[in-house]
Amino acid sequence: MNRLGFLILSVLSKSGAVTGTSAMTVKEIAEAEELGYKDNTLFKAITDFETKGLVAAGLKEGRAKTFFITDSGRKLLKTCKGD
């Protein structure tokens, strides 16, 4: 995992995006902390994580997809933090 991936998983975890109903849009993730990445870059990283099972799609927010961290994502984040 790279720094961007760590930041995305951290934001989802800290924000409580752990279920489909508490999921966040890419824009909300970007605004939660100033990550310094464009929305398109974040979306590509998140969809890659979705295929790996680290995040999952939540309920749609209008036309926007939302995402939340999965159990696998939380385990990986915990491993990266050294907990």
PDB file of N, CA and C in Angstrom:
ATOM      1  N   MET A   1       0.845  -1.173   0.000  1.00  0.00           N
ATOM      2  CA  MET A   1       0.000   0.000   0.000  1.00  0.00           C
ATOM      3  C   MET A   1       0.892   1.237   0.000  1.00  0.00           C
ATOM      4  N   ASN A   2       0.452   2.263  -0.694  1.00  0.00           N
ATOM      5  CA  ASN A   2       1.204   3.519  -0.736  1.00  0.00           C
ATOM      6  C   ASN A   2       0.588   4.536   0.227  1.00  0.00           C
ATOM      7  N   ARG A   3       1.183   5.709   0.273  1.00  0.00           N
ATOM      8  CA  ARG A   3       0.738   6.765   1.189  1.00  0.00           C
ATOM      9  C   ARG A   3      -0.694   7.180   0.909  1.00  0.00           C
ATOM     10  N   LEU A   4      -1.070   7.321  -0.353  1.00  0.00           N
ATOM     11  CA  LEU A   4      -2.431   7.720  -0.705  1.00  0.00           C
ATOM     12  C   LEU A   4      -3.438   6.696  -0.178  1.00  0.00           C
ATOM     13  N   GLY A   5      -3.136   5.436  -0.371  1.00  0.00           N
ATOM     14  CA  GLY A   5      -4.027   4.392   0.116  1.00  0.00           C
ATOM     15  C   GLY A   5      -4.195   4.442   1.619  1.00  0.00           C
ATOM     16  N   PHE A   6      -3.091   4.641   2.315  1.00  0.00           N
ATOM     17  CA  PHE A   6      -3.135   4.762   3.776  1.00  0.00           C
ATOM     18  C   PHE A   6      -4.013   5.936   4.185  1.00  0.00           C
ATOM     19  N   LEU A   7      -3.861   7.070   3.503  1.00  0.00           N
ATOM     20  CA  LEU A   7      -4.657   8.256   3.830  1.00  0.00           C
ATOM     21  C   LEU A   7      -6.144   8.015   3.595  1.00  0.00           C
ATOM     22  N   ILE A   8      -6.485   7.374   2.480  1.00  0.00           N
ATOM     23  CA  ILE A   8      -7.891   7.103   2.172  1.00  0.00           C
ATOM     24  C   ILE A   8      -8.507   6.204   3.237  1.00  0.00           C
ATOM     25  N   LEU A   9      -7.837   5.120   3.561  1.00  0.00           N
ATOM     26  CA  LEU A   9      -8.363   4.201   4.570  1.00  0.00           C
ATOM     27  C   LEU A   9      -8.454   4.886   5.931  1.00  0.00           C
ATOM     28  N   SER A  10      -7.494   5.726   6.252  1.00  0.00           N
ATOM     29  CA  SER A  10      -7.523   6.455   7.525  1.00  0.00           C
ATOM     30  C   SER A  10      -8.709   7.398   7.606  1.00  0.00           C
ATOM     31  N   VAL A  11      -8.962   8.127   6.531  1.00  0.00           N
ATOM     32  CA  VAL A  11     -10.093   9.068   6.512  1.00  0.00           C
ATOM     33  C   VAL A  11     -11.403   8.309   6.675  1.00  0.00           C
ATOM     34  N   LEU A  12     -11.568   7.216   5.944  1.00  0.00           N
ATOM     35  CA  LEU A  12     -12.805   6.440   6.053  1.00  0.00           C
ATOM     36  C   LEU A  12     -12.992   5.911   7.474  1.00  0.00           C
ATOM     37  N   SER A  13     -11.919   5.419   8.056  1.00  0.00           N
ATOM     38  CA  SER A  13     -11.988   4.867   9.405  1.00  0.00           C
ATOM     39  C   SER A  13     -12.296   5.954  10.435  1.00  0.00           C
ATOM     40  N   LYS A  14     -11.553   7.059  10.394  1.00  0.00           N
ATOM     41  CA  LYS A  14     -11.744   8.152  11.351  1.00  0.00           C
ATOM     42  C   LYS A  14     -13.122   8.787  11.235  1.00  0.00           C
ATOM     43  N   SER A  15     -13.667   8.816  10.020  1.00  0.00           N
ATOM     44  CA  SER A  15     -14.957   9.447   9.787  1.00  0.00           C
ATOM     45  C   SER A  15     -16.125   8.521  10.107  1.00  0.00           C
ATOM     46  N   GLY A  16     -15.835   7.289  10.453  1.00  0.00           N
ATOM     47  CA  GLY A  16     -16.898   6.352  10.797  1.00  0.00           C
ATOM     48  C   GLY A  16     -17.610   5.766   9.600  1.00  0.00           C
ATOM     49  N   ALA A  17     -16.970   5.808   8.435  1.00  0.00           N
ATOM     50  CA  ALA A  17     -17.555   5.235   7.210  1.00  0.00           C
ATOM     51  C   ALA A  17     -17.276   3.733   7.211  1.00  0.00           C
ATOM     52  N   VAL A  18     -18.089   2.989   7.985  1.00  0.00           N
ATOM     53  CA  VAL A  18     -17.862   1.560   8.169  1.00  0.00           C
ATOM     54  C   VAL A  18     -19.037   0.706   7.697  1.00  0.00           C
ATOM     55  N   THR A  19     -20.101   1.359   7.229  1.00  0.00           N
ATOM     56  CA  THR A  19     -21.258   0.638   6.687  1.00  0.00           C
ATOM     57  C   THR A  19     -21.746   1.361   5.442  1.00  0.00           C
ATOM     58  N   GLY A  20     -22.632   0.711   4.715  1.00  0.00           N
ATOM     59  CA  GLY A  20     -23.187   1.302   3.503  1.00  0.00           C
ATOM     60  C   GLY A  20     -23.946   2.591   3.754  1.00  0.00           C
ATOM     61  N   THR A  21     -24.533   2.735   4.928  1.00  0.00           N
ATOM     62  CA  THR A  21     -25.289   3.947   5.225  1.00  0.00           C
ATOM     63  C   THR A  21     -24.412   5.090   5.726  1.00  0.00           C
ATOM     64  N   SER A  22     -23.229   4.779   6.224  1.00  0.00           N
ATOM     65  CA  SER A  22     -22.320   5.834   6.705  1.00  0.00           C
ATOM     66  C   SER A  22     -21.200   6.107   5.703  1.00  0.00           C
ATOM     67  N   ALA A  23     -21.308   5.546   4.511  1.00  0.00           N
ATOM     68  CA  ALA A  23     -20.279   5.678   3.478  1.00  0.00           C
ATOM     69  C   ALA A  23     -20.119   7.134   3.037  1.00  0.00           C
ATOM     70  N   MET A  24     -18.961   7.426   2.445  1.00  0.00           N
ATOM     71  CA  MET A  24     -18.619   8.783   2.019  1.00  0.00           C
ATOM     72  C   MET A  24     -18.388   8.849   0.510  1.00  0.00           C
ATOM     73  N   THR A  25     -18.706   9.987  -0.078  1.00  0.00           N
ATOM     74  CA  THR A  25     -18.399  10.216  -1.488  1.00  0.00           C
ATOM     75  C   THR A  25     -16.923  10.571  -1.607  1.00  0.00           C
ATOM     76  N   VAL A  26     -16.411  10.517  -2.825  1.00  0.00           N
ATOM     77  CA  VAL A  26     -15.012  10.893  -3.064  1.00  0.00           C
ATOM     78  C   VAL A  26     -14.794  12.346  -2.646  1.00  0.00           C
ATOM     79  N   LYS A  27     -15.749  13.203  -2.936  1.00  0.00           N
ATOM     80  CA  LYS A  27     -15.631  14.614  -2.578  1.00  0.00           C
ATOM     81  C   LYS A  27     -15.583  14.784  -1.059  1.00  0.00           C
ATOM     82  N   GLU A  28     -16.393  14.031  -0.336  1.00  0.00           N
ATOM     83  CA  GLU A  28     -16.380  14.110   1.121  1.00  0.00           C
ATOM     84  C   GLU A  28     -15.047  13.623   1.682  1.00  0.00           C
ATOM     85  N   ILE A  29     -14.505  12.582   1.081  1.00  0.00           N
ATOM     86  CA  ILE A  29     -13.199  12.071   1.513  1.00  0.00           C
ATOM     87  C   ILE A  29     -12.127  13.135   1.291  1.00  0.00           C
ATOM     88  N   ALA A  30     -12.157  13.763   0.122  1.00  0.00           N
ATOM     89  CA  ALA A  30     -11.172  14.793  -0.209  1.00  0.00           C
ATOM     90  C   ALA A  30     -11.288  15.988   0.726  1.00  0.00           C
ATOM     91  N   GLU A  31     -12.514  16.327   1.127  1.00  0.00           N
ATOM     92  CA  GLU A  31     -12.734  17.492   1.984  1.00  0.00           C
ATOM     93  C   GLU A  31     -12.499  17.195   3.463  1.00  0.00           C
ATOM     94  N   ALA A  32     -12.528  15.924   3.852  1.00  0.00           N
ATOM     95  CA  ALA A  32     -12.342  15.561   5.255  1.00  0.00           C
ATOM     96  C   ALA A  32     -10.973  16.007   5.757  1.00  0.00           C
ATOM     97  N   GLU A  33      -9.985  15.860   4.918  1.00  0.00           N
ATOM     98  CA  GLU A  33      -8.628  16.336   5.204  1.00  0.00           C
ATOM     99  C   GLU A  33      -8.056  16.806   3.881  1.00  0.00           C
ATOM    100  N   GLU A  34      -7.236  17.815   3.937  1.00  0.00           N
ATOM    101  CA  GLU A  34      -6.609  18.302   2.713  1.00  0.00           C
ATOM    102  C   GLU A  34      -5.554  17.298   2.270  1.00  0.00           C
ATOM    103  N   LEU A  35      -5.950  16.384   1.403  1.00  0.00           N
ATOM    104  CA  LEU A  35      -5.055  15.316   0.974  1.00  0.00           C
ATOM    105  C   LEU A  35      -4.093  15.770  -0.117  1.00  0.00           C
ATOM    106  N   GLY A  36      -4.470  16.796  -0.855  1.00  0.00           N
ATOM    107  CA  GLY A  36      -3.592  17.304  -1.906  1.00  0.00           C
ATOM    108  C   GLY A  36      -3.667  16.508  -3.202  1.00  0.00           C
ATOM    109  N   TYR A  37      -4.744  15.736  -3.376  1.00  0.00           N
ATOM    110  CA  TYR A  37      -4.939  14.947  -4.597  1.00  0.00           C
ATOM    111  C   TYR A  37      -6.244  15.367  -5.260  1.00  0.00           C
ATOM    112  N   LYS A  38      -6.296  15.239  -6.575  1.00  0.00           N
ATOM    113  CA  LYS A  38      -7.521  15.536  -7.312  1.00  0.00           C
ATOM    114  C   LYS A  38      -8.540  14.421  -7.084  1.00  0.00           C
ATOM    115  N   ASP A  39      -9.821  14.776  -7.213  1.00  0.00           N
ATOM    116  CA  ASP A  39     -10.900  13.805  -7.015  1.00  0.00           C
ATOM    117  C   ASP A  39     -10.735  12.586  -7.918  1.00  0.00           C
ATOM    118  N   ASN A  40     -10.303  12.795  -9.156  1.00  0.00           N
ATOM    119  CA  ASN A  40     -10.143  11.692 -10.102  1.00  0.00           C
ATOM    120  C   ASN A  40      -9.073  10.705  -9.623  1.00  0.00           C
ATOM    121  N   THR A  41      -7.985  11.225  -9.071  1.00  0.00           N
ATOM    122  CA  THR A  41      -6.923  10.372  -8.538  1.00  0.00           C
ATOM    123  C   THR A  41      -7.445   9.555  -7.364  1.00  0.00           C
ATOM    124  N   LEU A  42      -8.204  10.204  -6.483  1.00  0.00           N
ATOM    125  CA  LEU A  42      -8.798   9.505  -5.338  1.00  0.00           C
ATOM    126  C   LEU A  42      -9.764   8.421  -5.808  1.00  0.00           C
ATOM    127  N   PHE A  43     -10.595   8.748  -6.798  1.00  0.00           N
ATOM    128  CA  PHE A  43     -11.575   7.783  -7.298  1.00  0.00           C
ATOM    129  C   PHE A  43     -10.886   6.542  -7.854  1.00  0.00           C
ATOM    130  N   LYS A  44      -9.817   6.741  -8.612  1.00  0.00           N
ATOM    131  CA  LYS A  44      -9.082   5.600  -9.175  1.00  0.00           C
ATOM    132  C   LYS A  44      -8.506   4.722  -8.070  1.00  0.00           C
ATOM    133  N   ALA A  45      -7.931   5.336  -7.048  1.00  0.00           N
ATOM    134  CA  ALA A  45      -7.357   4.574  -5.935  1.00  0.00           C
ATOM    135  C   ALA A  45      -8.449   3.826  -5.171  1.00  0.00           C
ATOM    136  N   ILE A  46      -9.570   4.482  -4.946  1.00  0.00           N
ATOM    137  CA  ILE A  46     -10.671   3.864  -4.202  1.00  0.00           C
ATOM    138  C   ILE A  46     -11.264   2.695  -4.976  1.00  0.00           C
ATOM    139  N   THR A  47     -11.453   2.850  -6.278  1.00  0.00           N
ATOM    140  CA  THR A  47     -12.003   1.737  -7.060  1.00  0.00           C
ATOM    141  C   THR A  47     -11.020   0.570  -7.117  1.00  0.00           C
ATOM    142  N   ASP A  48      -9.723   0.854  -7.093  1.00  0.00           N
ATOM    143  CA  ASP A  48      -8.728  -0.214  -7.001  1.00  0.00           C
ATOM    144  C   ASP A  48      -8.874  -0.939  -5.669  1.00  0.00           C
ATOM    145  N   PHE A  49      -9.053  -0.184  -4.597  1.00  0.00           N
ATOM    146  CA  PHE A  49      -9.268  -0.783  -3.273  1.00  0.00           C
ATOM    147  C   PHE A  49     -10.563  -1.589  -3.235  1.00  0.00           C
ATOM    148  N   GLU A  50     -11.552  -1.129  -3.985  1.00  0.00           N
ATOM    149  CA  GLU A  50     -12.835  -1.852  -4.029  1.00  0.00           C
ATOM    150  C   GLU A  50     -12.631  -3.232  -4.648  1.00  0.00           C
ATOM    151  N   THR A  51     -11.842  -3.323  -5.710  1.00  0.00           N
ATOM    152  CA  THR A  51     -11.588  -4.628  -6.340  1.00  0.00           C
ATOM    153  C   THR A  51     -10.770  -5.535  -5.424  1.00  0.00           C
ATOM    154  N   LYS A  52      -9.978  -4.939  -4.532  1.00  0.00           N
ATOM    155  CA  LYS A  52      -9.164  -5.714  -3.583  1.00  0.00           C
ATOM    156  C   LYS A  52      -9.926  -6.050  -2.301  1.00  0.00           C
ATOM    157  N   GLY A  53     -11.139  -5.516  -2.166  1.00  0.00           N
ATOM    158  CA  GLY A  53     -11.951  -5.805  -0.998  1.00  0.00           C
ATOM    159  C   GLY A  53     -11.631  -4.971   0.229  1.00  0.00           C
ATOM    160  N   LEU A  54     -10.869  -3.895   0.059  1.00  0.00           N
ATOM    161  CA  LEU A  54     -10.508  -3.043   1.186  1.00  0.00           C
ATOM    162  C   LEU A  54     -11.561  -1.987   1.469  1.00  0.00           C
ATOM    163  N   VAL A  55     -12.290  -1.595   0.449  1.00  0.00           N
ATOM    164  CA  VAL A  55     -13.447  -0.716   0.597  1.00  0.00           C
ATOM    165  C   VAL A  55     -14.599  -1.333  -0.185  1.00  0.00           C
ATOM    166  N   ALA A  56     -15.798  -0.905   0.145  1.00  0.00           N
ATOM    167  CA  ALA A  56     -16.979  -1.391  -0.571  1.00  0.00           C
ATOM    168  C   ALA A  56     -17.882  -0.202  -0.885  1.00  0.00           C
ATOM    169  N   ALA A  57     -18.733  -0.372  -1.867  1.00  0.00           N
ATOM    170  CA  ALA A  57     -19.663   0.683  -2.263  1.00  0.00           C
ATOM    171  C   ALA A  57     -20.815   0.739  -1.270  1.00  0.00           C
ATOM    172  N   GLY A  58     -21.189   1.956  -0.922  1.00  0.00           N
ATOM    173  CA  GLY A  58     -22.318   2.167  -0.028  1.00  0.00           C
ATOM    174  C   GLY A  58     -23.522   2.662  -0.811  1.00  0.00           C
ATOM    175  N   LEU A  59     -24.477   3.224  -0.094  1.00  0.00           N
ATOM    176  CA  LEU A  59     -25.661   3.779  -0.729  1.00  0.00           C
ATOM    177  C   LEU A  59     -25.272   5.019  -1.524  1.00  0.00           C
ATOM    178  N   LYS A  60     -25.921   5.204  -2.668  1.00  0.00           N
ATOM    179  CA  LYS A  60     -25.594   6.356  -3.510  1.00  0.00           C
ATOM    180  C   LYS A  60     -26.050   7.647  -2.856  1.00  0.00           C
ATOM    181  N   GLU A  61     -25.291   8.699  -3.103  1.00  0.00           N
ATOM    182  CA  GLU A  61     -25.616  10.047  -2.647  1.00  0.00           C
ATOM    183  C   GLU A  61     -25.958  10.850  -3.889  1.00  0.00           C
ATOM    184  N   GLY A  62     -27.239  10.872  -4.251  1.00  0.00           N
ATOM    185  CA  GLY A  62     -27.637  11.459  -5.530  1.00  0.00           C
ATOM    186  C   GLY A  62     -27.094  10.579  -6.643  1.00  0.00           C
ATOM    187  N   ARG A  63     -26.245  11.145  -7.495  1.00  0.00           N
ATOM    188  CA  ARG A  63     -25.626  10.364  -8.571  1.00  0.00           C
ATOM    189  C   ARG A  63     -24.239   9.852  -8.188  1.00  0.00           C
ATOM    190  N   ALA A  64     -23.734  10.313  -7.059  1.00  0.00           N
ATOM    191  CA  ALA A  64     -22.370   9.964  -6.644  1.00  0.00           C
ATOM    192  C   ALA A  64     -22.329   8.628  -5.900  1.00  0.00           C
ATOM    193  N   LYS A  65     -21.292   7.843  -6.204  1.00  0.00           N
ATOM    194  CA  LYS A  65     -21.059   6.606  -5.464  1.00  0.00           C
ATOM    195  C   LYS A  65     -20.481   6.966  -4.100  1.00  0.00           C
ATOM    196  N   THR A  66     -20.738   6.115  -3.125  1.00  0.00           N
ATOM    197  CA  THR A  66     -20.134   6.291  -1.808  1.00  0.00           C
ATOM    198  C   THR A  66     -19.361   5.026  -1.458  1.00  0.00           C
ATOM    199  N   PHE A  67     -18.430   5.162  -0.539  1.00  0.00           N
ATOM    200  CA  PHE A  67     -17.556   4.051  -0.181  1.00  0.00           C
ATOM    201  C   PHE A  67     -17.348   4.005   1.326  1.00  0.00           C
ATOM    202  N   PHE A  68     -17.121   2.785   1.836  1.00  0.00           N
ATOM    203  CA  PHE A  68     -16.800   2.605   3.247  1.00  0.00           C
ATOM    204  C   PHE A  68     -15.700   1.571   3.378  1.00  0.00           C
ATOM    205  N   ILE A  69     -14.996   1.617   4.494  1.00  0.00           N
ATOM    206  CA  ILE A  69     -13.892   0.695   4.737  1.00  0.00           C
ATOM    207  C   ILE A  69     -14.451  -0.654   5.204  1.00  0.00           C
ATOM    208  N   THR A  70     -13.893  -1.728   4.690  1.00  0.00           N
ATOM    209  CA  THR A  70     -14.330  -3.076   5.058  1.00  0.00           C
ATOM    210  C   THR A  70     -13.482  -3.603   6.218  1.00  0.00           C
ATOM    211  N   ASP A  71     -13.850  -4.779   6.722  1.00  0.00           N
ATOM    212  CA  ASP A  71     -13.055  -5.410   7.779  1.00  0.00           C
ATOM    213  C   ASP A  71     -11.622  -5.649   7.302  1.00  0.00           C
ATOM    214  N   SER A  72     -11.474  -6.084   6.044  1.00  0.00           N
ATOM    215  CA  SER A  72     -10.132  -6.300   5.489  1.00  0.00           C
ATOM    216  C   SER A  72      -9.341  -4.999   5.444  1.00  0.00           C
ATOM    217  N   GLY A  73     -10.010  -3.926   5.078  1.00  0.00           N
ATOM    218  CA  GLY A  73      -9.363  -2.621   5.042  1.00  0.00           C
ATOM    219  C   GLY A  73      -8.937  -2.161   6.422  1.00  0.00           C
ATOM    220  N   ARG A  74      -9.782  -2.407   7.428  1.00  0.00           N
ATOM    221  CA  ARG A  74      -9.435  -2.034   8.798  1.00  0.00           C
ATOM    222  C   ARG A  74      -8.245  -2.852   9.306  1.00  0.00           C
ATOM    223  N   LYS A  75      -8.208  -4.127   8.954  1.00  0.00           N
ATOM    224  CA  LYS A  75      -7.080  -4.973   9.362  1.00  0.00           C
ATOM    225  C   LYS A  75      -5.788  -4.497   8.730  1.00  0.00           C
ATOM    226  N   LEU A  76      -5.835  -4.174   7.439  1.00  0.00           N
ATOM    227  CA  LEU A  76      -4.641  -3.687   6.756  1.00  0.00           C
ATOM    228  C   LEU A  76      -4.185  -2.361   7.341  1.00  0.00           C
ATOM    229  N   LEU A  77      -5.123  -1.468   7.615  1.00  0.00           N
ATOM    230  CA  LEU A  77      -4.795  -0.177   8.213  1.00  0.00           C
ATOM    231  C   LEU A  77      -4.152  -0.351   9.574  1.00  0.00           C
ATOM    232  N   LYS A  78      -4.683  -1.259  10.355  1.00  0.00           N
ATOM    233  CA  LYS A  78      -4.115  -1.542  11.680  1.00  0.00           C
ATOM    234  C   LYS A  78      -2.695  -2.097  11.557  1.00  0.00           C
ATOM    235  N   THR A  79      -2.478  -2.965  10.576  1.00  0.00           N
ATOM    236  CA  THR A  79      -1.146  -3.520  10.333  1.00  0.00           C
ATOM    237  C   THR A  79      -0.161  -2.417   9.936  1.00  0.00           C
ATOM    238  N   CYS A  80      -0.609  -1.516   9.059  1.00  0.00           N
ATOM    239  CA  CYS A  80       0.262  -0.423   8.603  1.00  0.00           C
ATOM    240  C   CYS A  80       0.610   0.534   9.730  1.00  0.00           C
ATOM    241  N   LYS A  81      -0.314   0.721  10.647  1.00  0.00           N
ATOM    242  CA  LYS A  81      -0.064   1.606  11.786  1.00  0.00           C
ATOM    243  C   LYS A  81       0.853   0.949  12.811  1.00  0.00           C
ATOM    244  N   GLY A  82       0.956  -0.374  12.741  1.00  0.00           N
ATOM    245  CA  GLY A  82       1.797  -1.092  13.683  1.00  0.00           C
ATOM    246  C   GLY A  82       1.108  -1.432  14.984  1.00  0.00           C
ATOM    247  N   ASP A  83      -0.220  -1.397  14.968  1.00  0.00           N
ATOM    248  CA  ASP A  83      -1.001  -1.737  16.170  1.00  0.00           C
ATOM    249  C   ASP A  83      -1.043  -3.233  16.400  1.00  0.00           C
TER     250      ASP A  83
END
